[in-house]
Amino acid sequence: MLIGELAERTGVSARALRHYEDRDLLVPARDANGYRIYSESDIPRVAQIKAMIAAGLGTDTIRRYIDCARTGDHGVSLEMCPDLRAELDALAALLDSRQNAIRETRERLCALASDH
């Protein structure tokens, strides 16, 4: 299938698909005219990439661990290995830190806005 059909079937723009290719997340075949040719197996691959991006993973991390992604009846999941677990824990800690900073900023803002 051509890039437009894959975009339509996955809900991802052709531009995003080209970006995934640039980041070595998708590797389409090429026909004699140089057009990208995608297979049916690229549909779940795109779903895996979308899920991992939505979870806050960057394309470098996705490229390292895309082969750990599994698509099943309940969506996309990852098979854990120690390195992936460490990266996910680090990302979770970063998110916790940012959430705490936002909470503290909100508290300071409320203190400034309260009547004394």
PDB file of N, CA and C in Angstrom:
ATOM      1  N   MET A   1       0.855  -1.172   0.000  1.00  0.00           N
ATOM      2  CA  MET A   1       0.000   0.000   0.000  1.00  0.00           C
ATOM      3  C   MET A   1       0.895   1.227   0.000  1.00  0.00           C
ATOM      4  N   LEU A   2       0.373   2.307  -0.558  1.00  0.00           N
ATOM      5  CA  LEU A   2       1.118   3.561  -0.614  1.00  0.00           C
ATOM      6  C   LEU A   2       0.937   4.336   0.678  1.00  0.00           C
ATOM      7  N   ILE A   3       1.737   5.372   0.855  1.00  0.00           N
ATOM      8  CA  ILE A   3       1.752   6.130   2.094  1.00  0.00           C
ATOM      9  C   ILE A   3       0.387   6.730   2.433  1.00  0.00           C
ATOM     10  N   GLY A   4      -0.354   7.186   1.437  1.00  0.00           N
ATOM     11  CA  GLY A   4      -1.670   7.767   1.683  1.00  0.00           C
ATOM     12  C   GLY A   4      -2.641   6.761   2.271  1.00  0.00           C
ATOM     13  N   GLU A   5      -2.591   5.536   1.780  1.00  0.00           N
ATOM     14  CA  GLU A   5      -3.477   4.498   2.318  1.00  0.00           C
ATOM     15  C   GLU A   5      -3.083   4.132   3.741  1.00  0.00           C
ATOM     16  N   LEU A   6      -1.774   4.013   3.998  1.00  0.00           N
ATOM     17  CA  LEU A   6      -1.338   3.709   5.360  1.00  0.00           C
ATOM     18  C   LEU A   6      -1.743   4.848   6.297  1.00  0.00           C
ATOM     19  N   ALA A   7      -1.609   6.067   5.856  1.00  0.00           N
ATOM     20  CA  ALA A   7      -2.014   7.214   6.670  1.00  0.00           C
ATOM     21  C   ALA A   7      -3.502   7.134   7.000  1.00  0.00           C
ATOM     22  N   GLU A   8      -4.306   6.844   5.995  1.00  0.00           N
ATOM     23  CA  GLU A   8      -5.753   6.742   6.203  1.00  0.00           C
ATOM     24  C   GLU A   8      -6.108   5.595   7.140  1.00  0.00           C
ATOM     25  N   ARG A   9      -5.466   4.462   6.964  1.00  0.00           N
ATOM     26  CA  ARG A   9      -5.806   3.275   7.763  1.00  0.00           C
ATOM     27  C   ARG A   9      -5.317   3.364   9.206  1.00  0.00           C
ATOM     28  N   THR A  10      -4.307   4.197   9.461  1.00  0.00           N
ATOM     29  CA  THR A  10      -3.749   4.294  10.813  1.00  0.00           C
ATOM     30  C   THR A  10      -4.114   5.587  11.523  1.00  0.00           C
ATOM     31  N   GLY A  11      -4.653   6.551  10.788  1.00  0.00           N
ATOM     32  CA  GLY A  11      -4.969   7.838  11.400  1.00  0.00           C
ATOM     33  C   GLY A  11      -3.740   8.692  11.669  1.00  0.00           C
ATOM     34  N   VAL A  12      -2.662   8.397  10.984  1.00  0.00           N
ATOM     35  CA  VAL A  12      -1.406   9.137  11.123  1.00  0.00           C
ATOM     36  C   VAL A  12      -1.151   9.849   9.800  1.00  0.00           C
ATOM     37  N   SER A  13      -0.711  11.087   9.869  1.00  0.00           N
ATOM     38  CA  SER A  13      -0.470  11.842   8.636  1.00  0.00           C
ATOM     39  C   SER A  13       0.696  11.248   7.847  1.00  0.00           C
ATOM     40  N   ALA A  14       0.682  11.484   6.544  1.00  0.00           N
ATOM     41  CA  ALA A  14       1.790  11.037   5.698  1.00  0.00           C
ATOM     42  C   ALA A  14       3.087  11.686   6.173  1.00  0.00           C
ATOM     43  N   ARG A  15       3.003  12.923   6.621  1.00  0.00           N
ATOM     44  CA  ARG A  15       4.195  13.618   7.126  1.00  0.00           C
ATOM     45  C   ARG A  15       4.769  12.880   8.330  1.00  0.00           C
ATOM     46  N   ALA A  16       3.896  12.458   9.268  1.00  0.00           N
ATOM     47  CA  ALA A  16       4.365  11.710  10.436  1.00  0.00           C
ATOM     48  C   ALA A  16       4.978  10.389  10.010  1.00  0.00           C
ATOM     49  N   LEU A  17       4.387   9.721   9.039  1.00  0.00           N
ATOM     50  CA  LEU A  17       4.941   8.451   8.560  1.00  0.00           C
ATOM     51  C   LEU A  17       6.332   8.658   7.969  1.00  0.00           C
ATOM     52  N   ARG A  18       6.510   9.737   7.220  1.00  0.00           N
ATOM     53  CA  ARG A  18       7.841  10.039   6.679  1.00  0.00           C
ATOM     54  C   ARG A  18       8.822  10.318   7.818  1.00  0.00           C
ATOM     55  N   HIS A  19       8.355  11.004   8.877  1.00  0.00           N
ATOM     56  CA  HIS A  19       9.203  11.259  10.049  1.00  0.00           C
ATOM     57  C   HIS A  19       9.601   9.932  10.706  1.00  0.00           C
ATOM     58  N   TYR A  20       8.642   9.027  10.857  1.00  0.00           N
ATOM     59  CA  TYR A  20       8.961   7.716  11.426  1.00  0.00           C
ATOM     60  C   TYR A  20      10.023   7.017  10.581  1.00  0.00           C
ATOM     61  N   GLU A  21       9.910   7.158   9.275  1.00  0.00           N
ATOM     62  CA  GLU A  21      10.912   6.560   8.390  1.00  0.00           C
ATOM     63  C   GLU A  21      12.269   7.230   8.605  1.00  0.00           C
ATOM     64  N   ASP A  22      12.286   8.554   8.696  1.00  0.00           N
ATOM     65  CA  ASP A  22      13.540   9.283   8.918  1.00  0.00           C
ATOM     66  C   ASP A  22      14.211   8.865  10.224  1.00  0.00           C
ATOM     67  N   ARG A  23      13.402   8.489  11.206  1.00  0.00           N
ATOM     68  CA  ARG A  23      13.919   8.083  12.517  1.00  0.00           C
ATOM     69  C   ARG A  23      14.143   6.567  12.584  1.00  0.00           C
ATOM     70  N   ASP A  24      14.046   5.875  11.436  1.00  0.00           N
ATOM     71  CA  ASP A  24      14.268   4.422  11.333  1.00  0.00           C
ATOM     72  C   ASP A  24      13.277   3.601  12.155  1.00  0.00           C
ATOM     73  N   LEU A  25      12.067   4.109  12.304  1.00  0.00           N
ATOM     74  CA  LEU A  25      11.015   3.366  12.996  1.00  0.00           C
ATOM     75  C   LEU A  25      10.188   2.551  12.016  1.00  0.00           C
ATOM     76  N   LEU A  26      10.089   3.022  10.800  1.00  0.00           N
ATOM     77  CA  LEU A  26       9.426   2.311   9.696  1.00  0.00           C
ATOM     78  C   LEU A  26      10.415   2.206   8.552  1.00  0.00           C
ATOM     79  N   VAL A  27      10.408   1.073   7.881  1.00  0.00           N
ATOM     80  CA  VAL A  27      11.306   0.886   6.744  1.00  0.00           C
ATOM     81  C   VAL A  27      10.491   0.341   5.580  1.00  0.00           C
ATOM     82  N   PRO A  28       9.855   1.232   4.807  1.00  0.00           N
ATOM     83  CA  PRO A  28       9.063   0.753   3.678  1.00  0.00           C
ATOM     84  C   PRO A  28       9.952   0.298   2.524  1.00  0.00           C
ATOM     85  N   ALA A  29       9.394  -0.564   1.722  1.00  0.00           N
ATOM     86  CA  ALA A  29      10.061  -0.936   0.474  1.00  0.00           C
ATOM     87  C   ALA A  29       9.855   0.216  -0.511  1.00  0.00           C
ATOM     88  N   ARG A  30      10.534   0.182  -1.611  1.00  0.00           N
ATOM     89  CA  ARG A  30      10.371   1.188  -2.667  1.00  0.00           C
ATOM     90  C   ARG A  30      10.073   0.479  -3.985  1.00  0.00           C
ATOM     91  N   ASP A  31       9.145   1.066  -4.742  1.00  0.00           N
ATOM     92  CA  ASP A  31       8.881   0.486  -6.063  1.00  0.00           C
ATOM     93  C   ASP A  31       9.843   1.102  -7.078  1.00  0.00           C
ATOM     94  N   ALA A  32       9.698   0.729  -8.342  1.00  0.00           N
ATOM     95  CA  ALA A  32      10.611   1.189  -9.395  1.00  0.00           C
ATOM     96  C   ALA A  32      10.598   2.702  -9.538  1.00  0.00           C
ATOM     97  N   ASN A  33       9.479   3.345  -9.199  1.00  0.00           N
ATOM     98  CA  ASN A  33       9.387   4.798  -9.294  1.00  0.00           C
ATOM     99  C   ASN A  33       9.856   5.503  -8.023  1.00  0.00           C
ATOM    100  N   GLY A  34      10.256   4.748  -7.020  1.00  0.00           N
ATOM    101  CA  GLY A  34      10.724   5.327  -5.770  1.00  0.00           C
ATOM    102  C   GLY A  34       9.635   5.562  -4.739  1.00  0.00           C
ATOM    103  N   TYR A  35       8.388   5.164  -5.063  1.00  0.00           N
ATOM    104  CA  TYR A  35       7.296   5.327  -4.104  1.00  0.00           C
ATOM    105  C   TYR A  35       7.470   4.354  -2.940  1.00  0.00           C
ATOM    106  N   ARG A  36       7.102   4.826  -1.762  1.00  0.00           N
ATOM    107  CA  ARG A  36       7.121   3.967  -0.581  1.00  0.00           C
ATOM    108  C   ARG A  36       6.008   2.931  -0.702  1.00  0.00           C
ATOM    109  N   ILE A  37       6.340   1.692  -0.389  1.00  0.00           N
ATOM    110  CA  ILE A  37       5.367   0.605  -0.394  1.00  0.00           C
ATOM    111  C   ILE A  37       5.352  -0.001   1.007  1.00  0.00           C
ATOM    112  N   TYR A  38       4.189   0.062   1.647  1.00  0.00           N
ATOM    113  CA  TYR A  38       4.030  -0.451   3.003  1.00  0.00           C
ATOM    114  C   TYR A  38       3.276  -1.772   2.957  1.00  0.00           C
ATOM    115  N   SER A  39       3.509  -2.607   3.955  1.00  0.00           N
ATOM    116  CA  SER A  39       2.820  -3.892   4.050  1.00  0.00           C
ATOM    117  C   SER A  39       1.779  -3.835   5.158  1.00  0.00           C
ATOM    118  N   GLU A  40       0.958  -4.860   5.224  1.00  0.00           N
ATOM    119  CA  GLU A  40      -0.050  -4.956   6.281  1.00  0.00           C
ATOM    120  C   GLU A  40       0.599  -4.939   7.661  1.00  0.00           C
ATOM    121  N   SER A  41       1.811  -5.485   7.778  1.00  0.00           N
ATOM    122  CA  SER A  41       2.485  -5.532   9.078  1.00  0.00           C
ATOM    123  C   SER A  41       2.893  -4.143   9.571  1.00  0.00           C
ATOM    124  N   ASP A  42       2.886  -3.160   8.674  1.00  0.00           N
ATOM    125  CA  ASP A  42       3.206  -1.798   9.099  1.00  0.00           C
ATOM    126  C   ASP A  42       2.054  -1.145   9.863  1.00  0.00           C
ATOM    127  N   ILE A  43       0.843  -1.665   9.705  1.00  0.00           N
ATOM    128  CA  ILE A  43      -0.312  -1.088  10.418  1.00  0.00           C
ATOM    129  C   ILE A  43      -0.163  -1.254  11.927  1.00  0.00           C
ATOM    130  N   PRO A  44       0.074  -2.481  12.447  1.00  0.00           N
ATOM    131  CA  PRO A  44       0.289  -2.577  13.898  1.00  0.00           C
ATOM    132  C   PRO A  44       1.574  -1.881  14.349  1.00  0.00           C
ATOM    133  N   ARG A  45       2.567  -1.831  13.480  1.00  0.00           N
ATOM    134  CA  ARG A  45       3.820  -1.134  13.821  1.00  0.00           C
ATOM    135  C   ARG A  45       3.534   0.342  14.081  1.00  0.00           C
ATOM    136  N   VAL A  46       2.742   0.962  13.227  1.00  0.00           N
ATOM    137  CA  VAL A  46       2.385   2.371  13.418  1.00  0.00           C
ATOM    138  C   VAL A  46       1.587   2.534  14.714  1.00  0.00           C
ATOM    139  N   ALA A  47       0.697   1.598  15.001  1.00  0.00           N
ATOM    140  CA  ALA A  47      -0.067   1.657  16.258  1.00  0.00           C
ATOM    141  C   ALA A  47       0.872   1.580  17.457  1.00  0.00           C
ATOM    142  N   GLN A  48       1.889   0.751  17.368  1.00  0.00           N
ATOM    143  CA  GLN A  48       2.867   0.647  18.446  1.00  0.00           C
ATOM    144  C   GLN A  48       3.632   1.953  18.614  1.00  0.00           C
ATOM    145  N   ILE A  49       4.053   2.541  17.518  1.00  0.00           N
ATOM    146  CA  ILE A  49       4.781   3.806  17.569  1.00  0.00           C
ATOM    147  C   ILE A  49       3.900   4.894  18.175  1.00  0.00           C
ATOM    148  N   LYS A  50       2.658   4.979  17.721  1.00  0.00           N
ATOM    149  CA  LYS A  50       1.723   5.976  18.257  1.00  0.00           C
ATOM    150  C   LYS A  50       1.538   5.806  19.760  1.00  0.00           C
ATOM    151  N   ALA A  51       1.358   4.566  20.211  1.00  0.00           N
ATOM    152  CA  ALA A  51       1.146   4.305  21.637  1.00  0.00           C
ATOM    153  C   ALA A  51       2.373   4.688  22.451  1.00  0.00           C
ATOM    154  N   MET A  52       3.536   4.394  21.935  1.00  0.00           N
ATOM    155  CA  MET A  52       4.761   4.706  22.665  1.00  0.00           C
ATOM    156  C   MET A  52       4.997   6.214  22.717  1.00  0.00           C
ATOM    157  N   ILE A  53       4.702   6.918  21.641  1.00  0.00           N
ATOM    158  CA  ILE A  53       4.816   8.378  21.643  1.00  0.00           C
ATOM    159  C   ILE A  53       3.812   8.971  22.625  1.00  0.00           C
ATOM    160  N   ALA A  54       2.584   8.465  22.607  1.00  0.00           N
ATOM    161  CA  ALA A  54       1.550   8.964  23.515  1.00  0.00           C
ATOM    162  C   ALA A  54       1.930   8.737  24.973  1.00  0.00           C
ATOM    163  N   ALA A  55       2.745   7.708  25.245  1.00  0.00           N
ATOM    164  CA  ALA A  55       3.194   7.417  26.607  1.00  0.00           C
ATOM    165  C   ALA A  55       4.394   8.262  27.004  1.00  0.00           C
ATOM    166  N   GLY A  56       4.854   9.125  26.097  1.00  0.00           N
ATOM    167  CA  GLY A  56       5.941  10.032  26.431  1.00  0.00           C
ATOM    168  C   GLY A  56       7.321   9.580  26.014  1.00  0.00           C
ATOM    169  N   LEU A  57       7.404   8.501  25.258  1.00  0.00           N
ATOM    170  CA  LEU A  57       8.712   8.027  24.816  1.00  0.00           C
ATOM    171  C   LEU A  57       9.145   8.774  23.565  1.00  0.00           C
ATOM    172  N   GLY A  58      10.405   9.112  23.500  1.00  0.00           N
ATOM    173  CA  GLY A  58      10.968   9.771  22.323  1.00  0.00           C
ATOM    174  C   GLY A  58      11.307   8.760  21.246  1.00  0.00           C
ATOM    175  N   THR A  59      11.536   9.252  20.052  1.00  0.00           N
ATOM    176  CA  THR A  59      11.790   8.346  18.934  1.00  0.00           C
ATOM    177  C   THR A  59      13.089   7.564  19.104  1.00  0.00           C
ATOM    178  N   ASP A  60      14.101   8.131  19.774  1.00  0.00           N
ATOM    179  CA  ASP A  60      15.333   7.366  20.014  1.00  0.00           C
ATOM    180  C   ASP A  60      15.056   6.163  20.909  1.00  0.00           C
ATOM    181  N   THR A  61      14.267   6.375  21.953  1.00  0.00           N
ATOM    182  CA  THR A  61      13.901   5.288  22.860  1.00  0.00           C
ATOM    183  C   THR A  61      13.028   4.276  22.130  1.00  0.00           C
ATOM    184  N   ILE A  62      12.073   4.770  21.353  1.00  0.00           N
ATOM    185  CA  ILE A  62      11.200   3.869  20.598  1.00  0.00           C
ATOM    186  C   ILE A  62      12.024   3.003  19.657  1.00  0.00           C
ATOM    187  N   ARG A  63      12.983   3.599  18.976  1.00  0.00           N
ATOM    188  CA  ARG A  63      13.811   2.830  18.043  1.00  0.00           C
ATOM    189  C   ARG A  63      14.554   1.703  18.778  1.00  0.00           C
ATOM    190  N   ARG A  64      15.029   1.986  19.985  1.00  0.00           N
ATOM    191  CA  ARG A  64      15.764   0.953  20.738  1.00  0.00           C
ATOM    192  C   ARG A  64      14.855  -0.172  21.201  1.00  0.00           C
ATOM    193  N   TYR A  65      13.576   0.134  21.484  1.00  0.00           N
ATOM    194  CA  TYR A  65      12.714  -0.852  22.122  1.00  0.00           C
ATOM    195  C   TYR A  65      11.471  -1.234  21.319  1.00  0.00           C
ATOM    196  N   ILE A  66      11.362  -0.810  20.076  1.00  0.00           N
ATOM    197  CA  ILE A  66      10.165  -1.116  19.287  1.00  0.00           C
ATOM    198  C   ILE A  66       9.964  -2.624  19.155  1.00  0.00           C
ATOM    199  N   ASP A  67      11.039  -3.377  19.160  1.00  0.00           N
ATOM    200  CA  ASP A  67      10.899  -4.834  19.041  1.00  0.00           C
ATOM    201  C   ASP A  67      10.346  -5.463  20.313  1.00  0.00           C
ATOM    202  N   CYS A  68      10.262  -4.702  21.404  1.00  0.00           N
ATOM    203  CA  CYS A  68       9.653  -5.179  22.649  1.00  0.00           C
ATOM    204  C   CYS A  68       8.149  -4.928  22.657  1.00  0.00           C
ATOM    205  N   ALA A  69       7.656  -4.151  21.700  1.00  0.00           N
ATOM    206  CA  ALA A  69       6.228  -3.804  21.656  1.00  0.00           C
ATOM    207  C   ALA A  69       5.421  -4.980  21.123  1.00  0.00           C
ATOM    208  N   ARG A  70       4.269  -5.173  21.740  1.00  0.00           N
ATOM    209  CA  ARG A  70       3.340  -6.214  21.320  1.00  0.00           C
ATOM    210  C   ARG A  70       1.960  -5.593  21.183  1.00  0.00           C
ATOM    211  N   THR A  71       1.242  -5.979  20.167  1.00  0.00           N
ATOM    212  CA  THR A  71      -0.118  -5.508  19.971  1.00  0.00           C
ATOM    213  C   THR A  71      -1.052  -6.687  20.172  1.00  0.00           C
ATOM    214  N   GLY A  72      -1.990  -6.523  21.104  1.00  0.00           N
ATOM    215  CA  GLY A  72      -2.927  -7.594  21.393  1.00  0.00           C
ATOM    216  C   GLY A  72      -4.341  -7.074  21.459  1.00  0.00           C
ATOM    217  N   ASP A  73      -5.212  -7.887  22.026  1.00  0.00           N
ATOM    218  CA  ASP A  73      -6.629  -7.529  22.134  1.00  0.00           C
ATOM    219  C   ASP A  73      -6.849  -6.278  22.974  1.00  0.00           C
ATOM    220  N   HIS A  74      -5.932  -5.996  23.887  1.00  0.00           N
ATOM    221  CA  HIS A  74      -6.088  -4.862  24.804  1.00  0.00           C
ATOM    222  C   HIS A  74      -5.154  -3.716  24.451  1.00  0.00           C
ATOM    223  N   GLY A  75      -4.681  -3.655  23.218  1.00  0.00           N
ATOM    224  CA  GLY A  75      -3.823  -2.552  22.792  1.00  0.00           C
ATOM    225  C   GLY A  75      -2.365  -2.942  22.765  1.00  0.00           C
ATOM    226  N   VAL A  76      -1.521  -1.941  22.925  1.00  0.00           N
ATOM    227  CA  VAL A  76      -0.076  -2.127  22.826  1.00  0.00           C
ATOM    228  C   VAL A  76       0.508  -2.283  24.223  1.00  0.00           C
ATOM    229  N   SER A  77       1.416  -3.222  24.371  1.00  0.00           N
ATOM    230  CA  SER A  77       2.143  -3.401  25.623  1.00  0.00           C
ATOM    231  C   SER A  77       3.615  -3.610  25.285  1.00  0.00           C
ATOM    232  N   LEU A  78       4.450  -3.529  26.313  1.00  0.00           N
ATOM    233  CA  LEU A  78       5.887  -3.724  26.131  1.00  0.00           C
ATOM    234  C   LEU A  78       6.361  -4.895  26.973  1.00  0.00           C
ATOM    235  N   GLU A  79       7.188  -5.738  26.381  1.00  0.00           N
ATOM    236  CA  GLU A  79       7.867  -6.781  27.148  1.00  0.00           C
ATOM    237  C   GLU A  79       9.039  -6.103  27.840  1.00  0.00           C
ATOM    238  N   MET A  80       9.109  -6.239  29.139  1.00  0.00           N
ATOM    239  CA  MET A  80      10.132  -5.538  29.909  1.00  0.00           C
ATOM    240  C   MET A  80      11.468  -6.263  29.877  1.00  0.00           C
ATOM    241  N   CYS A  81      12.511  -5.485  29.763  1.00  0.00           N
ATOM    242  CA  CYS A  81      13.871  -5.953  29.954  1.00  0.00           C
ATOM    243  C   CYS A  81      14.503  -4.939  30.906  1.00  0.00           C
ATOM    244  N   PRO A  82      15.616  -5.242  31.536  1.00  0.00           N
ATOM    245  CA  PRO A  82      16.174  -4.312  32.528  1.00  0.00           C
ATOM    246  C   PRO A  82      16.444  -2.906  31.989  1.00  0.00           C
ATOM    247  N   ASP A  83      16.991  -2.791  30.787  1.00  0.00           N
ATOM    248  CA  ASP A  83      17.293  -1.469  30.245  1.00  0.00           C
ATOM    249  C   ASP A  83      16.022  -0.661  29.990  1.00  0.00           C
ATOM    250  N   LEU A  84      15.015  -1.300  29.429  1.00  0.00           N
ATOM    251  CA  LEU A  84      13.753  -0.612  29.170  1.00  0.00           C
ATOM    252  C   LEU A  84      13.100  -0.214  30.489  1.00  0.00           C
ATOM    253  N   ARG A  85      13.103  -1.109  31.460  1.00  0.00           N
ATOM    254  CA  ARG A  85      12.522  -0.803  32.774  1.00  0.00           C
ATOM    255  C   ARG A  85      13.197   0.424  33.379  1.00  0.00           C
ATOM    256  N   ALA A  86      14.516   0.502  33.264  1.00  0.00           N
ATOM    257  CA  ALA A  86      15.261   1.646  33.801  1.00  0.00           C
ATOM    258  C   ALA A  86      14.865   2.937  33.086  1.00  0.00           C
ATOM    259  N   GLU A  87      14.703   2.891  31.768  1.00  0.00           N
ATOM    260  CA  GLU A  87      14.308   4.092  31.024  1.00  0.00           C
ATOM    261  C   GLU A  87      12.901   4.527  31.388  1.00  0.00           C
ATOM    262  N   LEU A  88      11.982   3.570  31.517  1.00  0.00           N
ATOM    263  CA  LEU A  88      10.611   3.913  31.885  1.00  0.00           C
ATOM    264  C   LEU A  88      10.552   4.465  33.304  1.00  0.00           C
ATOM    265  N   ASP A  89      11.339   3.893  34.214  1.00  0.00           N
ATOM    266  CA  ASP A  89      11.386   4.411  35.584  1.00  0.00           C
ATOM    267  C   ASP A  89      11.946   5.827  35.614  1.00  0.00           C
ATOM    268  N   ALA A  90      12.968   6.088  34.814  1.00  0.00           N
ATOM    269  CA  ALA A  90      13.546   7.441  34.751  1.00  0.00           C
ATOM    270  C   ALA A  90      12.533   8.432  34.199  1.00  0.00           C
ATOM    271  N   LEU A  91      11.787   8.039  33.190  1.00  0.00           N
ATOM    272  CA  LEU A  91      10.755   8.915  32.630  1.00  0.00           C
ATOM    273  C   LEU A  91       9.661   9.173  33.660  1.00  0.00           C
ATOM    274  N   ALA A  92       9.248   8.143  34.382  1.00  0.00           N
ATOM    275  CA  ALA A  92       8.228   8.310  35.418  1.00  0.00           C
ATOM    276  C   ALA A  92       8.726   9.245  36.514  1.00  0.00           C
ATOM    277  N   ALA A  93       9.986   9.127  36.901  1.00  0.00           N
ATOM    278  CA  ALA A  93      10.554  10.013  37.924  1.00  0.00           C
ATOM    279  C   ALA A  93      10.585  11.455  37.427  1.00  0.00           C
ATOM    280  N   LEU A  94      10.929  11.649  36.166  1.00  0.00           N
ATOM    281  CA  LEU A  94      10.928  12.996  35.589  1.00  0.00           C
ATOM    282  C   LEU A  94       9.520  13.583  35.600  1.00  0.00           C
ATOM    283  N   LEU A  95       8.537  12.790  35.223  1.00  0.00           N
ATOM    284  CA  LEU A  95       7.150  13.255  35.241  1.00  0.00           C
ATOM    285  C   LEU A  95       6.696  13.595  36.659  1.00  0.00           C
ATOM    286  N   ASP A  96       7.082  12.770  37.635  1.00  0.00           N
ATOM    287  CA  ASP A  96       6.754  13.060  39.035  1.00  0.00           C
ATOM    288  C   ASP A  96       7.367  14.380  39.473  1.00  0.00           C
ATOM    289  N   SER A  97       8.609  14.593  39.095  1.00  0.00           N
ATOM    290  CA  SER A  97       9.296  15.837  39.454  1.00  0.00           C
ATOM    291  C   SER A  97       8.596  17.045  38.834  1.00  0.00           C
ATOM    292  N   ARG A  98       8.240  16.930  37.581  1.00  0.00           N
ATOM    293  CA  ARG A  98       7.533  18.032  36.914  1.00  0.00           C
ATOM    294  C   ARG A  98       6.167  18.271  37.545  1.00  0.00           C
ATOM    295  N   GLN A  99       5.482  17.188  37.891  1.00  0.00           N
ATOM    296  CA  GLN A  99       4.168  17.320  38.519  1.00  0.00           C
ATOM    297  C   GLN A  99       4.295  18.016  39.876  1.00  0.00           C
ATOM    298  N   ASN A 100       5.310  17.673  40.645  1.00  0.00           N
ATOM    299  CA  ASN A 100       5.535  18.322  41.933  1.00  0.00           C
ATOM    300  C   ASN A 100       5.849  19.800  41.749  1.00  0.00           C
ATOM    301  N   ALA A 101       6.651  20.129  40.748  1.00  0.00           N
ATOM    302  CA  ALA A 101       6.984  21.528  40.485  1.00  0.00           C
ATOM    303  C   ALA A 101       5.728  22.314  40.096  1.00  0.00           C
ATOM    304  N   ILE A 102       4.858  21.723  39.308  1.00  0.00           N
ATOM    305  CA  ILE A 102       3.609  22.384  38.918  1.00  0.00           C
ATOM    306  C   ILE A 102       2.716  22.587  40.142  1.00  0.00           C
ATOM    307  N   ARG A 103       2.628  21.568  40.996  1.00  0.00           N
ATOM    308  CA  ARG A 103       1.819  21.680  42.217  1.00  0.00           C
ATOM    309  C   ARG A 103       2.339  22.810  43.099  1.00  0.00           C
ATOM    310  N   GLU A 104       3.665  22.872  43.280  1.00  0.00           N
ATOM    311  CA  GLU A 104       4.256  23.923  44.106  1.00  0.00           C
ATOM    312  C   GLU A 104       4.023  25.302  43.493  1.00  0.00           C
ATOM    313  N   THR A 105       4.132  25.425  42.200  1.00  0.00           N
ATOM    314  CA  THR A 105       3.874  26.701  41.533  1.00  0.00           C
ATOM    315  C   THR A 105       2.417  27.102  41.706  1.00  0.00           C
ATOM    316  N   ARG A 106       1.523  26.145  41.576  1.00  0.00           N
ATOM    317  CA  ARG A 106       0.094  26.423  41.771  1.00  0.00           C
ATOM    318  C   ARG A 106      -0.168  26.905  43.203  1.00  0.00           C
ATOM    319  N   GLU A 107       0.468  26.267  44.173  1.00  0.00           N
ATOM    320  CA  GLU A 107       0.298  26.678  45.570  1.00  0.00           C
ATOM    321  C   GLU A 107       0.788  28.109  45.787  1.00  0.00           C
ATOM    322  N   ARG A 108       1.940  28.450  45.197  1.00  0.00           N
ATOM    323  CA  ARG A 108       2.458  29.819  45.320  1.00  0.00           C
ATOM    324  C   ARG A 108       1.534  30.826  44.657  1.00  0.00           C
ATOM    325  N   LEU A 109       0.968  30.430  43.503  1.00  0.00           N
ATOM    326  CA  LEU A 109       0.040  31.298  42.803  1.00  0.00           C
ATOM    327  C   LEU A 109      -1.218  31.527  43.650  1.00  0.00           C
ATOM    328  N   CYS A 110      -1.741  30.475  44.228  1.00  0.00           N
ATOM    329  CA  CYS A 110      -2.924  30.598  45.084  1.00  0.00           C
ATOM    330  C   CYS A 110      -2.630  31.473  46.294  1.00  0.00           C
ATOM    331  N   ALA A 111      -1.427  31.331  46.868  1.00  0.00           N
ATOM    332  CA  ALA A 111      -1.050  32.156  48.019  1.00  0.00           C
ATOM    333  C   ALA A 111      -1.004  33.630  47.631  1.00  0.00           C
ATOM    334  N   LEU A 112      -0.500  33.911  46.431  1.00  0.00           N
ATOM    335  CA  LEU A 112      -0.446  35.304  45.974  1.00  0.00           C
ATOM    336  C   LEU A 112      -1.833  35.865  45.737  1.00  0.00           C
ATOM    337  N   ALA A 113      -2.733  35.019  45.276  1.00  0.00           N
ATOM    338  CA  ALA A 113      -4.076  35.482  44.923  1.00  0.00           C
ATOM    339  C   ALA A 113      -5.038  35.521  46.112  1.00  0.00           C
ATOM    340  N   SER A 114      -4.645  34.899  47.227  1.00  0.00           N
ATOM    341  CA  SER A 114      -5.573  34.848  48.364  1.00  0.00           C
ATOM    342  C   SER A 114      -5.614  36.181  49.085  1.00  0.00           C
ATOM    343  N   ASP A 115      -6.744  36.445  49.714  1.00  0.00           N
ATOM    344  CA  ASP A 115      -6.928  37.683  50.480  1.00  0.00           C
ATOM    345  C   ASP A 115      -6.216  37.540  51.809  1.00  0.00           C
ATOM    346  N   HIS A 116      -5.499  38.566  52.178  1.00  0.00           N
ATOM    347  CA  HIS A 116      -4.816  38.545  53.480  1.00  0.00           C
ATOM    348  C   HIS A 116      -5.432  39.547  54.391  1.00  0.00           C
TER     349      HIS A 116
END
